[in-house]
Amino acid sequence: LALLTLVLAGAVLVALSVALGGLIAAAAGLGGDTAGVVAVLVVIVGFPLVIAGFVFVWVRISLAGPALVLEDLRPVAALKRSWHLAKGSWWRLFGIQILTGIVVTIGSGIVSAPFSQVGTMLMDRGAGSTGMTFAAAALSAVGEIITGTVFTPFSAAVTSLLYIDRRMR
């Protein structure tokens, strides 16, 4: 899984570098007032296209982790397997992944909010006291640990169930 993460991070960095380098070269080659116009067009048109491309690829490779673990594949083979499994079901996978992200975000906020609020109240009462600062930080950490303990497995379970569903179909 760590190697898969490194492969994905490297691919993202290479793609961003190539895209940014190409845009800079195109703008520099034009020179003068046209470079400013091209820069504005790139931001208005290019940025949404890049985001759409990343979302498309994210959904297509979202099943790589379960494929790597459950099929005992190498990172590149897991990416290919995920790409193949997601074919024909992109919108369904996208919707479920987005809905899962929304549920996790809202649930995390609900679970960690009381801990953060109590920590903030401790900070206000302590007004610079090292003990109160430590207690507030510890309380926030407890909230984050509980949140991670509950919602990380939930998110992983949804992705694994999507993988199993796509594999059976």
Protein backbone atom coordinates (compact mmCIF):
# COMPACT_ATOMS: atom_id res chain seq x y z
CA LEU A 1 0.00 0.00 0.00
CA ALA A 2 2.85 2.37 0.75
CA LEU A 3 4.39 1.65 -2.64
CA LEU A 4 1.02 2.24 -4.33
CA THR A 5 0.76 5.57 -2.54
CA LEU A 6 4.25 6.52 -3.70
CA VAL A 7 3.42 5.54 -7.30
CA LEU A 8 0.24 7.64 -7.18
CA ALA A 9 2.01 10.62 -5.59
CA GLY A 10 4.79 10.43 -8.15
CA ALA A 11 2.32 10.26 -11.02
CA VAL A 12 0.44 13.30 -9.71
CA LEU A 13 3.67 15.27 -9.29
CA VAL A 14 4.83 14.40 -12.80
CA ALA A 15 1.46 15.31 -14.31
CA LEU A 16 1.36 18.64 -12.48
CA SER A 17 4.95 19.45 -13.43
CA VAL A 18 4.35 18.69 -17.11
CA ALA A 19 1.11 20.69 -17.16
CA LEU A 20 2.63 23.66 -15.36
CA GLY A 21 5.78 23.56 -17.51
CA GLY A 22 3.72 23.45 -20.70
CA LEU A 23 1.57 26.36 -19.59
CA ILE A 24 4.58 28.46 -18.61
CA ALA A 25 6.32 27.67 -21.90
CA ALA A 26 3.20 28.58 -23.88
CA ALA A 27 2.77 31.87 -22.01
CA ALA A 28 6.46 32.77 -22.29
CA GLY A 29 6.51 31.99 -26.01
CA LEU A 30 3.70 34.45 -26.68
CA GLY A 31 5.27 37.40 -24.85
CA GLY A 32 3.80 40.87 -24.54
CA ASP A 33 0.15 41.51 -23.76
CA THR A 34 -0.96 38.16 -25.13
CA ALA A 35 0.75 36.33 -22.27
CA GLY A 36 -1.63 37.94 -19.76
CA VAL A 37 -4.67 36.99 -21.83
CA VAL A 38 -3.43 33.42 -22.17
CA ALA A 39 -2.77 33.25 -18.42
CA VAL A 40 -6.34 34.38 -17.68
CA LEU A 41 -7.78 31.88 -20.18
CA VAL A 42 -5.66 29.11 -18.71
CA VAL A 43 -7.00 29.89 -15.25
CA ILE A 44 -10.62 30.20 -16.38
CA VAL A 45 -10.67 27.25 -18.79
CA GLY A 46 -7.63 25.16 -17.91
CA PHE A 47 -8.08 24.92 -14.16
CA PRO A 48 -11.61 23.39 -14.31
CA LEU A 49 -10.41 20.98 -17.00
CA VAL A 50 -7.47 19.87 -14.85
CA ILE A 51 -9.77 19.40 -11.85
CA ALA A 52 -12.23 17.39 -13.97
CA GLY A 53 -9.36 15.24 -15.25
CA PHE A 54 -8.11 14.54 -11.74
CA VAL A 55 -11.61 13.65 -10.53
CA PHE A 56 -12.04 11.29 -13.49
CA VAL A 57 -8.74 9.56 -12.80
CA TRP A 58 -9.40 9.50 -9.02
CA VAL A 59 -12.64 7.58 -9.53
CA ARG A 60 -11.06 5.19 -12.03
CA ILE A 61 -8.18 4.32 -9.66
CA SER A 62 -10.15 4.44 -6.41
CA LEU A 63 -10.39 0.65 -6.31
CA ALA A 64 -6.61 0.11 -6.55
CA GLY A 65 -6.13 -0.28 -2.78
CA PRO A 66 -8.60 -3.14 -2.39
CA ALA A 67 -7.32 -4.73 -5.62
CA LEU A 68 -3.77 -4.58 -4.29
CA VAL A 69 -4.69 -6.19 -0.97
CA LEU A 70 -7.40 -8.67 -2.00
CA GLU A 71 -5.86 -9.88 -5.25
CA ASP A 72 -2.23 -9.63 -4.08
CA LEU A 73 -1.25 -7.47 -7.07
CA ARG A 74 1.69 -5.15 -7.58
CA PRO A 75 0.96 -1.39 -7.55
CA VAL A 76 0.86 -0.87 -11.34
CA ALA A 77 -1.20 -4.04 -11.84
CA ALA A 78 -3.60 -2.86 -9.11
CA LEU A 79 -4.00 0.48 -10.89
CA LYS A 80 -4.75 -1.31 -14.17
CA ARG A 81 -7.22 -3.61 -12.41
CA SER A 82 -8.98 -0.64 -10.80
CA TRP A 83 -9.14 1.16 -14.14
CA HIS A 84 -10.72 -1.93 -15.71
CA LEU A 85 -13.20 -2.50 -12.85
CA ALA A 86 -14.37 1.13 -12.89
CA LYS A 87 -15.05 1.06 -16.61
CA GLY A 88 -18.77 1.44 -17.31
CA SER A 89 -19.63 2.40 -13.75
CA TRP A 90 -17.88 5.74 -13.36
CA TRP A 91 -20.91 7.82 -12.35
CA ARG A 92 -22.07 5.25 -9.80
CA LEU A 93 -18.61 5.01 -8.22
CA PHE A 94 -18.28 8.80 -8.27
CA GLY A 95 -21.63 9.30 -6.55
CA ILE A 96 -20.98 6.73 -3.85
CA GLN A 97 -17.44 8.03 -3.18
CA ILE A 98 -18.66 11.64 -2.97
CA LEU A 99 -21.56 10.65 -0.70
CA THR A 100 -19.15 8.72 1.50
CA GLY A 101 -16.87 11.74 1.69
CA ILE A 102 -19.79 13.97 2.69
CA VAL A 103 -20.96 11.52 5.36
CA VAL A 104 -17.43 11.16 6.75
CA THR A 105 -16.88 14.94 6.78
CA ILE A 106 -20.18 15.71 8.51
CA GLY A 107 -19.85 12.78 10.92
CA SER A 108 -16.28 13.73 11.80
CA GLY A 109 -17.37 17.28 12.49
CA ILE A 110 -20.22 16.14 14.71
CA VAL A 111 -18.05 13.73 16.70
CA SER A 112 -15.04 16.04 17.12
CA ALA A 113 -16.97 19.29 17.74
CA PRO A 114 -17.70 18.68 21.45
CA PHE A 115 -14.04 17.92 22.12
CA SER A 116 -12.92 21.05 20.29
CA GLN A 117 -15.51 23.20 22.05
CA VAL A 118 -14.52 21.97 25.50
CA GLY A 119 -10.86 22.47 24.56
CA THR A 120 -11.58 26.03 23.48
CA MET A 121 -13.41 26.69 26.75
CA LEU A 122 -10.40 25.35 28.68
CA MET A 123 -8.08 27.61 26.69
CA ASP A 124 -10.27 30.63 27.43
CA ARG A 125 -10.37 29.88 31.16
CA GLY A 126 -6.66 29.13 31.39
CA ALA A 127 -5.59 32.24 29.41
CA GLY A 128 -2.05 31.18 28.65
CA SER A 129 -1.66 28.52 31.31
CA THR A 130 0.53 25.68 30.10
CA GLY A 131 -1.60 23.08 31.86
CA MET A 132 -4.81 24.30 30.28
CA THR A 133 -3.16 24.47 26.85
CA PHE A 134 -1.96 20.89 27.28
CA ALA A 135 -5.41 19.74 28.45
CA ALA A 136 -7.08 21.46 25.47
CA ALA A 137 -4.62 19.87 23.03
CA ALA A 138 -5.10 16.46 24.65
CA LEU A 139 -8.87 16.81 24.44
CA SER A 140 -8.69 17.73 20.76
CA ALA A 141 -6.37 14.77 20.16
CA VAL A 142 -8.86 12.42 21.84
CA GLY A 143 -11.60 13.77 19.56
CA GLU A 144 -9.43 13.21 16.48
CA ILE A 145 -8.53 9.69 17.59
CA ILE A 146 -12.19 8.79 18.10
CA THR A 147 -13.09 10.34 14.76
CA GLY A 148 -10.33 8.45 12.96
CA THR A 149 -11.21 5.21 14.71
CA VAL A 150 -14.84 5.43 13.61
CA PHE A 151 -14.70 7.00 10.15
CA THR A 152 -11.49 5.67 8.58
CA PRO A 153 -12.73 2.04 8.68
CA PHE A 154 -16.13 3.20 7.42
CA SER A 155 -14.55 4.86 4.38
CA ALA A 156 -12.29 1.87 3.74
CA ALA A 157 -15.25 -0.50 4.06
CA VAL A 158 -17.25 1.47 1.49
CA THR A 159 -14.35 1.37 -0.96
CA SER A 160 -13.85 -2.35 -0.36
CA LEU A 161 -17.54 -3.07 -0.87
CA LEU A 162 -17.47 -1.07 -4.10
CA TYR A 163 -14.50 -3.14 -5.24
CA ILE A 164 -16.22 -6.42 -4.39
CA ASP A 165 -19.43 -5.25 -6.09
CA ARG A 166 -17.57 -4.27 -9.28
CA ARG A 167 -15.62 -7.52 -9.26
CA MET A 168 -18.77 -9.64 -8.98
CA ARG A 169 -20.52 -7.73 -11.75
